[in-house]
């Protein structure tokens, strides 16, 4: 008996059955982050640290704007300064957590603000970083709150 070539999917080979299995690659999007800090310098620093691995969906300078943008964008994470004008980060965190208990909020605090940090935890903060911060500590805090 003489073998006949078999053609499957444009590939020809003697006595060979070729089966193509589709491969689906799922690309997980980068986490969306809202940055809330009244200091432009701190917003810029956080953006530079985060923008490689995260999508920055907004930058705001007070707690009122933080709540508004959170409700519009529903980011995966909020990086929230504690001390801001109009509405501070503790009040904004409380309001965000009231509307969405699953919201992830990391507080940005200065050295010596332990009492404010305790208030932030009571308001629902999921973690904190201390200013001045470096990329490793920021990324570690985020990984603790929003695992990749």
N, C-alpha and C. Protein backbone atom coordinates (compact mmCIF):
# COMPACT_ATOMS: atom_id res chain seq x y z
N UNK A 1 0.85 -1.15 0.00
CA UNK A 1 0.00 0.00 0.00
C UNK A 1 0.91 1.23 0.00
N UNK A 2 0.61 2.14 -0.83
CA UNK A 2 1.41 3.34 -0.97
C UNK A 2 0.77 4.47 -0.17
N UNK A 3 1.55 5.14 0.66
CA UNK A 3 1.04 6.23 1.48
C UNK A 3 0.80 7.45 0.62
N UNK A 4 -0.32 8.07 0.87
CA UNK A 4 -0.66 9.30 0.17
C UNK A 4 -0.41 10.49 1.10
N UNK A 5 0.10 11.56 0.57
CA UNK A 5 0.29 12.74 1.41
C UNK A 5 -1.05 13.26 1.94
N UNK A 6 -1.02 13.73 3.14
CA UNK A 6 -2.22 14.29 3.76
C UNK A 6 -1.98 15.80 3.91
N UNK A 7 -2.95 16.60 3.48
CA UNK A 7 -2.83 18.05 3.59
C UNK A 7 -3.82 18.55 4.63
N UNK A 8 -3.32 19.16 5.66
CA UNK A 8 -4.18 19.73 6.69
C UNK A 8 -3.65 21.13 7.01
N UNK A 9 -4.51 22.08 6.87
CA UNK A 9 -4.12 23.44 7.22
C UNK A 9 -2.92 23.94 6.43
N UNK A 10 -2.74 23.45 5.20
CA UNK A 10 -1.65 23.92 4.37
C UNK A 10 -0.34 23.20 4.61
N UNK A 11 -0.32 22.22 5.53
CA UNK A 11 0.90 21.46 5.78
C UNK A 11 0.72 20.08 5.18
N UNK A 12 1.66 19.65 4.38
CA UNK A 12 1.59 18.34 3.74
C UNK A 12 2.71 17.46 4.29
N UNK A 13 2.32 16.23 4.70
CA UNK A 13 3.32 15.30 5.19
C UNK A 13 2.78 13.89 5.04
N UNK A 14 3.64 12.91 4.72
CA UNK A 14 3.21 11.52 4.53
C UNK A 14 2.69 10.93 5.85
N UNK A 15 1.48 10.35 5.80
CA UNK A 15 0.86 9.65 6.93
C UNK A 15 0.87 10.44 8.25
N UNK A 16 0.70 11.72 8.15
CA UNK A 16 0.71 12.55 9.34
C UNK A 16 -0.58 13.34 9.40
N UNK A 17 -1.22 13.24 10.50
CA UNK A 17 -2.42 14.03 10.71
C UNK A 17 -2.04 15.22 11.60
N UNK A 18 -2.25 16.38 11.10
CA UNK A 18 -1.90 17.58 11.83
C UNK A 18 -3.18 18.22 12.35
N UNK A 19 -3.20 18.47 13.65
CA UNK A 19 -4.34 19.12 14.26
C UNK A 19 -3.87 20.44 14.85
N UNK A 20 -4.57 21.49 14.49
CA UNK A 20 -4.24 22.80 15.03
C UNK A 20 -5.15 23.09 16.22
N UNK A 21 -4.55 23.47 17.31
CA UNK A 21 -5.31 23.83 18.51
C UNK A 21 -5.16 25.33 18.69
N UNK A 22 -6.28 26.03 18.65
CA UNK A 22 -6.17 27.48 18.83
C UNK A 22 -5.67 27.82 20.24
N UNK A 23 -4.81 28.78 20.30
CA UNK A 23 -4.28 29.23 21.58
C UNK A 23 -4.83 30.63 21.83
N UNK A 24 -5.41 30.80 22.99
CA UNK A 24 -5.96 32.09 23.35
C UNK A 24 -5.04 32.70 24.41
N UNK A 25 -4.57 33.86 24.13
CA UNK A 25 -3.73 34.57 25.09
C UNK A 25 -4.58 35.65 25.74
N UNK A 26 -4.65 35.60 27.04
CA UNK A 26 -5.41 36.60 27.77
C UNK A 26 -4.41 37.61 28.32
N UNK A 27 -4.60 38.84 27.94
CA UNK A 27 -3.75 39.90 28.44
C UNK A 27 -4.52 40.62 29.54
N UNK A 28 -3.99 40.53 30.73
CA UNK A 28 -4.63 41.19 31.86
C UNK A 28 -4.20 42.64 31.85
N UNK A 29 -5.17 43.54 31.91
CA UNK A 29 -4.87 44.96 31.88
C UNK A 29 -4.14 45.41 33.13
N UNK A 30 -3.47 46.50 33.00
CA UNK A 30 -2.77 47.07 34.15
C UNK A 30 -3.81 47.65 35.10
N UNK A 31 -3.57 47.55 36.40
CA UNK A 31 -4.52 48.11 37.36
C UNK A 31 -4.68 49.62 37.17
N UNK A 32 -5.92 50.09 37.31
CA UNK A 32 -6.23 51.52 37.22
C UNK A 32 -6.00 52.15 38.59
N UNK A 33 -5.32 53.31 38.59
CA UNK A 33 -5.00 53.98 39.84
C UNK A 33 -5.42 55.45 39.78
N UNK A 34 -6.01 55.91 40.87
CA UNK A 34 -6.32 57.31 41.08
C UNK A 34 -5.33 57.85 42.11
N UNK A 35 -4.69 58.96 41.79
CA UNK A 35 -3.74 59.59 42.71
C UNK A 35 -4.39 60.85 43.29
N UNK A 36 -4.46 60.92 44.62
CA UNK A 36 -5.04 62.08 45.30
C UNK A 36 -4.02 62.66 46.26
N UNK A 37 -3.49 63.82 45.92
CA UNK A 37 -2.50 64.50 46.78
C UNK A 37 -2.51 65.98 46.42
N UNK A 38 -2.51 66.85 47.41
CA UNK A 38 -2.53 68.28 47.13
C UNK A 38 -1.18 68.80 46.63
N UNK A 39 -0.14 68.01 46.78
CA UNK A 39 1.19 68.41 46.31
C UNK A 39 1.43 67.91 44.89
N UNK A 40 1.62 68.86 43.97
CA UNK A 40 1.91 68.48 42.59
C UNK A 40 3.17 67.63 42.50
N UNK A 41 4.17 67.97 43.32
CA UNK A 41 5.41 67.20 43.35
C UNK A 41 5.14 65.74 43.70
N UNK A 42 4.31 65.49 44.72
CA UNK A 42 4.00 64.12 45.14
C UNK A 42 3.18 63.38 44.09
N UNK A 43 2.24 64.07 43.45
CA UNK A 43 1.47 63.44 42.37
C UNK A 43 2.40 63.02 41.24
N UNK A 44 3.32 63.92 40.88
CA UNK A 44 4.27 63.61 39.81
C UNK A 44 5.16 62.43 40.19
N UNK A 45 5.63 62.42 41.43
CA UNK A 45 6.49 61.33 41.90
C UNK A 45 5.74 59.99 41.85
N UNK A 46 4.52 59.97 42.37
CA UNK A 46 3.73 58.74 42.33
C UNK A 46 3.45 58.30 40.89
N UNK A 47 3.12 59.26 40.02
CA UNK A 47 2.87 58.91 38.62
C UNK A 47 4.10 58.26 38.00
N UNK A 48 5.28 58.85 38.23
CA UNK A 48 6.51 58.29 37.68
C UNK A 48 6.77 56.88 38.20
N UNK A 49 6.49 56.64 39.48
CA UNK A 49 6.69 55.32 40.06
C UNK A 49 5.70 54.31 39.48
N UNK A 50 4.46 54.73 39.27
CA UNK A 50 3.38 53.80 38.91
C UNK A 50 3.14 53.60 37.43
N UNK A 51 3.42 54.58 36.60
CA UNK A 51 2.92 54.55 35.22
C UNK A 51 3.45 53.40 34.37
N UNK A 52 4.56 52.79 34.74
CA UNK A 52 5.08 51.66 33.97
C UNK A 52 4.19 50.43 34.09
N UNK A 53 3.64 50.21 35.30
CA UNK A 53 2.86 49.00 35.56
C UNK A 53 1.39 49.24 35.86
N UNK A 54 0.97 50.51 35.84
CA UNK A 54 -0.41 50.85 36.18
C UNK A 54 -0.94 51.91 35.22
N UNK A 55 -2.24 51.96 35.09
CA UNK A 55 -2.88 53.01 34.30
C UNK A 55 -3.38 54.08 35.26
N UNK A 56 -2.87 55.28 35.09
CA UNK A 56 -3.29 56.39 35.95
C UNK A 56 -4.58 56.96 35.35
N UNK A 57 -5.69 56.81 36.06
CA UNK A 57 -6.99 57.26 35.53
C UNK A 57 -7.36 58.66 35.99
N UNK A 58 -6.58 59.19 36.93
CA UNK A 58 -6.86 60.54 37.38
C UNK A 58 -5.86 60.99 38.43
N UNK A 59 -5.67 62.31 38.49
CA UNK A 59 -4.85 62.93 39.51
C UNK A 59 -5.66 64.10 40.05
N UNK A 60 -5.87 64.09 41.36
CA UNK A 60 -6.68 65.14 41.99
C UNK A 60 -5.93 65.72 43.17
N UNK A 61 -6.37 66.92 43.63
CA UNK A 61 -5.63 67.58 44.70
C UNK A 61 -6.41 67.79 45.98
N UNK A 62 -7.62 67.21 46.07
CA UNK A 62 -8.35 67.28 47.34
C UNK A 62 -9.32 66.11 47.44
N UNK A 63 -9.86 65.94 48.64
CA UNK A 63 -10.74 64.80 48.90
C UNK A 63 -12.07 64.84 48.16
N UNK A 64 -12.59 66.04 47.90
CA UNK A 64 -13.84 66.16 47.15
C UNK A 64 -13.65 65.62 45.74
N UNK A 65 -12.57 66.05 45.10
CA UNK A 65 -12.27 65.58 43.74
C UNK A 65 -11.99 64.07 43.74
N UNK A 66 -11.33 63.59 44.79
CA UNK A 66 -11.02 62.15 44.87
C UNK A 66 -12.30 61.32 44.85
N UNK A 67 -13.29 61.73 45.63
CA UNK A 67 -14.56 61.00 45.68
C UNK A 67 -15.26 61.07 44.32
N UNK A 68 -15.30 62.26 43.73
CA UNK A 68 -15.96 62.43 42.42
C UNK A 68 -15.32 61.56 41.36
N UNK A 69 -13.99 61.62 41.25
CA UNK A 69 -13.30 60.84 40.22
C UNK A 69 -13.40 59.35 40.51
N UNK A 70 -13.36 58.96 41.79
CA UNK A 70 -13.53 57.55 42.12
C UNK A 70 -14.87 57.04 41.60
N UNK A 71 -15.92 57.80 41.84
CA UNK A 71 -17.26 57.37 41.41
C UNK A 71 -17.37 57.31 39.89
N UNK A 72 -16.66 58.20 39.18
CA UNK A 72 -16.68 58.21 37.72
C UNK A 72 -15.85 57.06 37.13
N UNK A 73 -14.68 56.83 37.68
CA UNK A 73 -13.71 55.89 37.09
C UNK A 73 -13.68 54.51 37.74
N UNK A 74 -14.08 54.39 38.98
CA UNK A 74 -14.00 53.17 39.79
C UNK A 74 -12.65 52.46 39.59
N UNK A 75 -11.57 53.13 39.96
CA UNK A 75 -10.25 52.52 39.77
C UNK A 75 -10.03 51.32 40.70
N UNK A 76 -9.03 50.52 40.36
CA UNK A 76 -8.67 49.36 41.19
C UNK A 76 -8.02 49.80 42.49
N UNK A 77 -7.44 51.00 42.48
CA UNK A 77 -6.69 51.46 43.64
C UNK A 77 -6.70 52.98 43.70
N UNK A 78 -6.78 53.51 44.94
CA UNK A 78 -6.63 54.94 45.17
C UNK A 78 -5.41 55.14 46.06
N UNK A 79 -4.49 55.98 45.61
CA UNK A 79 -3.36 56.41 46.44
C UNK A 79 -3.77 57.75 47.01
N UNK A 80 -4.05 57.79 48.33
CA UNK A 80 -4.71 58.93 48.96
C UNK A 80 -3.83 59.60 50.02
N UNK A 81 -3.54 60.87 49.80
CA UNK A 81 -2.84 61.66 50.82
C UNK A 81 -3.79 61.86 51.99
N UNK A 82 -3.26 61.92 53.20
CA UNK A 82 -4.12 62.14 54.36
C UNK A 82 -4.51 63.61 54.49
N UNK A 83 -3.52 64.49 54.44
CA UNK A 83 -3.77 65.91 54.68
C UNK A 83 -3.94 66.63 53.33
N UNK A 84 -5.19 67.02 53.05
CA UNK A 84 -5.52 67.75 51.81
C UNK A 84 -6.57 68.80 52.14
N UNK A 85 -6.66 69.84 51.33
CA UNK A 85 -7.68 70.88 51.57
C UNK A 85 -9.09 70.41 51.20
N UNK A 86 -10.05 71.18 51.61
CA UNK A 86 -11.48 71.01 51.35
C UNK A 86 -12.04 69.77 52.07
N UNK A 87 -11.55 68.61 51.71
CA UNK A 87 -11.90 67.37 52.42
C UNK A 87 -10.63 66.55 52.50
N UNK A 88 -10.25 66.13 53.69
CA UNK A 88 -9.00 65.39 53.83
C UNK A 88 -9.14 63.94 53.34
N UNK A 89 -8.02 63.24 53.29
CA UNK A 89 -8.01 61.88 52.79
C UNK A 89 -8.78 60.90 53.65
N UNK A 90 -8.86 61.17 54.94
CA UNK A 90 -9.60 60.28 55.84
C UNK A 90 -11.09 60.36 55.53
N UNK A 91 -11.63 61.58 55.41
CA UNK A 91 -13.05 61.74 55.07
C UNK A 91 -13.36 61.17 53.69
N UNK A 92 -12.46 61.43 52.73
CA UNK A 92 -12.67 60.92 51.36
C UNK A 92 -12.64 59.40 51.34
N UNK A 93 -11.72 58.81 52.10
CA UNK A 93 -11.64 57.34 52.17
C UNK A 93 -12.92 56.77 52.77
N UNK A 94 -13.40 57.40 53.83
CA UNK A 94 -14.64 56.94 54.47
C UNK A 94 -15.80 56.98 53.48
N UNK A 95 -15.91 58.05 52.72
CA UNK A 95 -17.00 58.16 51.75
C UNK A 95 -16.86 57.13 50.62
N UNK A 96 -15.65 56.95 50.13
CA UNK A 96 -15.42 55.96 49.06
C UNK A 96 -15.76 54.57 49.57
N UNK A 97 -15.29 54.22 50.77
CA UNK A 97 -15.56 52.90 51.34
C UNK A 97 -17.04 52.70 51.66
N UNK A 98 -17.75 53.78 51.99
CA UNK A 98 -19.19 53.67 52.24
C UNK A 98 -19.93 53.32 50.96
N UNK A 99 -19.49 53.90 49.86
CA UNK A 99 -20.15 53.62 48.58
C UNK A 99 -19.68 52.31 47.97
N UNK A 100 -18.44 51.89 48.28
CA UNK A 100 -17.92 50.64 47.75
C UNK A 100 -16.95 50.03 48.77
N UNK A 101 -17.45 49.12 49.61
CA UNK A 101 -16.60 48.51 50.63
C UNK A 101 -15.40 47.75 50.05
N UNK A 102 -15.47 47.38 48.77
CA UNK A 102 -14.37 46.65 48.13
C UNK A 102 -13.31 47.57 47.53
N UNK A 103 -13.49 48.87 47.65
CA UNK A 103 -12.50 49.82 47.13
C UNK A 103 -11.17 49.60 47.83
N UNK A 104 -10.08 49.79 47.09
CA UNK A 104 -8.74 49.65 47.64
C UNK A 104 -8.12 51.03 47.79
N UNK A 105 -7.78 51.38 49.02
CA UNK A 105 -7.20 52.70 49.28
C UNK A 105 -5.91 52.54 50.08
N UNK A 106 -4.85 53.12 49.55
CA UNK A 106 -3.58 53.17 50.27
C UNK A 106 -3.33 54.63 50.64
N UNK A 107 -3.10 54.87 51.92
CA UNK A 107 -2.87 56.22 52.40
C UNK A 107 -1.40 56.60 52.25
N UNK A 108 -1.17 57.85 51.90
CA UNK A 108 0.18 58.42 51.82
C UNK A 108 0.32 59.36 53.00
N UNK A 109 1.22 59.04 53.89
CA UNK A 109 1.33 59.80 55.14
C UNK A 109 2.76 60.27 55.36
N UNK A 110 2.89 61.34 56.11
CA UNK A 110 4.21 61.84 56.48
C UNK A 110 4.62 61.22 57.81
N UNK A 111 5.91 61.17 58.03
CA UNK A 111 6.42 60.67 59.31
C UNK A 111 5.82 61.52 60.43
N UNK A 112 5.40 60.86 61.51
CA UNK A 112 4.86 61.57 62.65
C UNK A 112 3.35 61.73 62.63
N UNK A 113 2.66 61.09 61.69
CA UNK A 113 1.20 61.20 61.62
C UNK A 113 0.51 59.90 62.06
N UNK A 114 1.03 59.30 63.15
CA UNK A 114 0.49 58.03 63.61
C UNK A 114 -0.98 58.12 63.99
N UNK A 115 -1.38 59.21 64.65
CA UNK A 115 -2.79 59.36 65.05
C UNK A 115 -3.70 59.45 63.83
N UNK A 116 -3.25 60.22 62.85
CA UNK A 116 -4.04 60.33 61.61
C UNK A 116 -4.11 58.98 60.90
N UNK A 117 -3.01 58.20 60.95
CA UNK A 117 -3.01 56.89 60.32
C UNK A 117 -4.02 55.96 60.99
N UNK A 118 -4.12 56.04 62.32
CA UNK A 118 -5.12 55.24 63.04
C UNK A 118 -6.53 55.62 62.59
N UNK A 119 -6.78 56.92 62.43
CA UNK A 119 -8.08 57.38 61.93
C UNK A 119 -8.34 56.85 60.52
N UNK A 120 -7.30 56.85 59.69
CA UNK A 120 -7.44 56.38 58.31
C UNK A 120 -7.80 54.89 58.26
N UNK A 121 -7.20 54.11 59.15
CA UNK A 121 -7.52 52.69 59.21
C UNK A 121 -8.97 52.50 59.64
N UNK A 122 -9.43 53.29 60.62
CA UNK A 122 -10.83 53.22 61.04
C UNK A 122 -11.77 53.60 59.90
N UNK A 123 -11.30 54.51 59.02
CA UNK A 123 -12.12 54.95 57.89
C UNK A 123 -12.13 53.92 56.76
N UNK A 124 -11.24 52.91 56.86
CA UNK A 124 -11.24 51.84 55.87
C UNK A 124 -10.00 51.72 55.02
N UNK A 125 -8.96 52.48 55.30
CA UNK A 125 -7.72 52.39 54.51
C UNK A 125 -7.19 50.96 54.54
N UNK A 126 -6.70 50.50 53.40
CA UNK A 126 -6.21 49.13 53.27
C UNK A 126 -4.70 49.02 53.50
N UNK A 127 -4.01 50.14 53.45
CA UNK A 127 -2.57 50.13 53.63
C UNK A 127 -2.06 51.55 53.66
N UNK A 128 -0.75 51.70 53.82
CA UNK A 128 -0.18 53.05 53.82
C UNK A 128 1.27 53.01 53.38
N UNK A 129 1.73 54.15 52.89
CA UNK A 129 3.13 54.36 52.60
C UNK A 129 3.52 55.67 53.29
N UNK A 130 4.78 55.77 53.69
CA UNK A 130 5.25 56.94 54.40
C UNK A 130 6.14 57.78 53.49
N UNK A 131 5.83 59.09 53.44
CA UNK A 131 6.65 60.02 52.66
C UNK A 131 7.92 60.34 53.43
N UNK A 132 9.02 60.58 52.79
CA UNK A 132 9.23 60.42 51.35
C UNK A 132 9.35 58.94 51.03
N UNK A 133 8.77 58.53 49.91
CA UNK A 133 8.77 57.10 49.60
C UNK A 133 9.63 56.80 48.37
N UNK A 134 10.01 55.52 48.30
CA UNK A 134 10.79 55.00 47.19
C UNK A 134 9.95 53.96 46.47
N UNK A 135 10.27 53.71 45.22
CA UNK A 135 9.49 52.77 44.41
C UNK A 135 9.30 51.40 45.08
N UNK A 136 10.34 50.77 45.65
CA UNK A 136 10.11 49.44 46.25
C UNK A 136 9.04 49.43 47.33
N UNK A 137 9.02 50.45 48.20
CA UNK A 137 8.02 50.47 49.27
C UNK A 137 6.62 50.71 48.72
N UNK A 138 6.51 51.54 47.69
CA UNK A 138 5.21 51.79 47.06
C UNK A 138 4.70 50.51 46.41
N UNK A 139 5.55 49.84 45.65
CA UNK A 139 5.13 48.62 44.95
C UNK A 139 4.77 47.51 45.95
N UNK A 140 5.50 47.42 47.04
CA UNK A 140 5.20 46.41 48.07
C UNK A 140 3.84 46.67 48.70
N UNK A 141 3.55 47.92 49.01
CA UNK A 141 2.25 48.28 49.60
C UNK A 141 1.12 47.95 48.63
N UNK A 142 1.33 48.24 47.36
CA UNK A 142 0.30 47.95 46.36
C UNK A 142 0.09 46.45 46.23
N UNK A 143 1.17 45.69 46.19
CA UNK A 143 1.08 44.23 46.06
C UNK A 143 0.34 43.62 47.25
N UNK A 144 0.51 44.20 48.44
CA UNK A 144 -0.20 43.72 49.63
C UNK A 144 -1.71 43.96 49.52
N UNK A 145 -2.09 45.03 48.83
CA UNK A 145 -3.50 45.41 48.76
C UNK A 145 -4.17 44.89 47.48
N UNK A 146 -3.46 44.96 46.36
CA UNK A 146 -4.01 44.53 45.07
C UNK A 146 -3.03 43.52 44.46
N UNK A 147 -3.09 42.25 44.87
CA UNK A 147 -2.16 41.26 44.33
C UNK A 147 -2.29 41.13 42.81
N UNK A 148 -1.15 40.95 42.16
CA UNK A 148 -1.18 40.83 40.69
C UNK A 148 -1.61 39.46 40.24
